[in-house]
């Protein structure tokens, strides 16, 4: 992975984390928090979409999949924090 790909990866992670944070709790988590939530959400979303047999195409499809994964991640974290 070259430096440009890595920077795009981090930027997309930050965007997805911020978007999921806005949807779930009304605000983001800061740059580092957004990146972590976005990257973990992308992995979770890819896993869940793979289990369901759903495929996404292109950049926008990847953003949607990662955002859904991040929203699920934040929902699970919210449940664990309440318990």
Protein backbone atom coordinates (compact mmCIF):
# COMPACT_ATOMS: atom_id res chain seq x y z
CA UNK A 1 0.00 0.00 0.00
CA UNK A 2 1.52 3.31 -1.02
CA UNK A 3 1.19 6.54 0.94
CA UNK A 4 -1.64 7.95 -1.23
CA UNK A 5 -3.75 4.81 -0.78
CA UNK A 6 -3.13 4.91 2.95
CA UNK A 7 -4.18 8.57 3.17
CA UNK A 8 -7.36 7.85 1.16
CA UNK A 9 -8.04 4.89 3.48
CA UNK A 10 -7.74 7.16 6.54
CA UNK A 11 -9.85 9.91 4.92
CA UNK A 12 -12.63 7.47 4.07
CA UNK A 13 -12.45 6.02 7.58
CA UNK A 14 -12.77 9.52 9.05
CA UNK A 15 -15.71 10.35 6.78
CA UNK A 16 -17.55 7.12 7.59
CA UNK A 17 -16.89 7.45 11.33
CA UNK A 18 -18.11 11.03 11.34
CA UNK A 19 -21.23 10.14 9.32
CA UNK A 20 -22.09 7.22 11.62
CA UNK A 21 -21.51 9.42 14.68
CA UNK A 22 -23.84 12.09 13.32
CA UNK A 23 -26.53 9.51 12.56
CA UNK A 24 -26.29 7.71 15.92
CA UNK A 25 -25.49 10.44 18.43
CA UNK A 26 -25.68 13.73 16.62
CA UNK A 27 -21.95 14.49 16.39
CA UNK A 28 -18.63 12.93 15.47
CA UNK A 29 -15.87 11.59 17.72
CA UNK A 30 -12.90 13.72 16.69
CA UNK A 31 -10.50 12.85 13.89
CA UNK A 32 -8.84 9.83 15.51
CA UNK A 33 -12.13 8.49 16.90
CA UNK A 34 -13.83 8.89 13.54
CA UNK A 35 -11.03 7.01 11.79
CA UNK A 36 -11.18 4.14 14.29
CA UNK A 37 -14.98 3.90 14.13
CA UNK A 38 -14.90 4.12 10.32
CA UNK A 39 -12.23 1.46 9.83
CA UNK A 40 -13.74 -0.99 12.32
CA UNK A 41 -17.19 -0.27 10.88
CA UNK A 42 -15.92 -1.01 7.36
CA UNK A 43 -14.58 -4.38 8.49
CA UNK A 44 -17.81 -5.18 10.33
CA UNK A 45 -19.95 -4.01 7.40
CA UNK A 46 -17.93 -6.09 4.94
CA UNK A 47 -18.31 -9.14 7.17
CA UNK A 48 -22.06 -8.70 7.61
CA UNK A 49 -22.68 -7.92 3.94
CA UNK A 50 -20.64 -11.01 3.01
CA UNK A 51 -22.72 -13.21 5.32
CA UNK A 52 -25.91 -11.86 3.78
CA UNK A 53 -24.59 -12.26 0.24
CA UNK A 54 -24.94 -8.54 -0.50
CA UNK A 55 -22.41 -6.98 -2.83
CA UNK A 56 -21.67 -3.30 -3.21
CA UNK A 57 -20.20 -1.66 -6.24
CA UNK A 58 -17.84 1.24 -6.45
CA UNK A 59 -16.78 3.92 -4.03
CA UNK A 60 -20.29 4.97 -2.99
CA UNK A 61 -21.29 1.37 -2.29
CA UNK A 62 -18.23 0.98 -0.08
CA UNK A 63 -19.11 4.15 1.82
CA UNK A 64 -22.68 2.91 2.39
CA UNK A 65 -21.47 -0.53 3.53
CA UNK A 66 -18.88 0.95 5.90
CA UNK A 67 -21.39 3.44 7.31
CA UNK A 68 -23.92 0.70 8.02
CA UNK A 69 -21.18 -1.33 9.70
CA UNK A 70 -20.13 1.69 11.80
CA UNK A 71 -23.74 2.35 12.83
CA UNK A 72 -24.08 -1.28 13.94
CA UNK A 73 -20.79 -0.97 15.83
CA UNK A 74 -21.96 2.16 17.66
CA UNK A 75 -25.29 0.51 18.46
CA UNK A 76 -23.51 -2.51 19.98
CA UNK A 77 -21.18 -0.25 21.96
CA UNK A 78 -24.21 1.66 23.25
CA UNK A 79 -25.82 -1.57 24.41
CA UNK A 80 -22.66 -2.71 26.18
CA UNK A 81 -22.22 0.66 27.91
CA UNK A 82 -25.78 0.53 29.27
CA UNK A 83 -25.34 -2.98 30.71
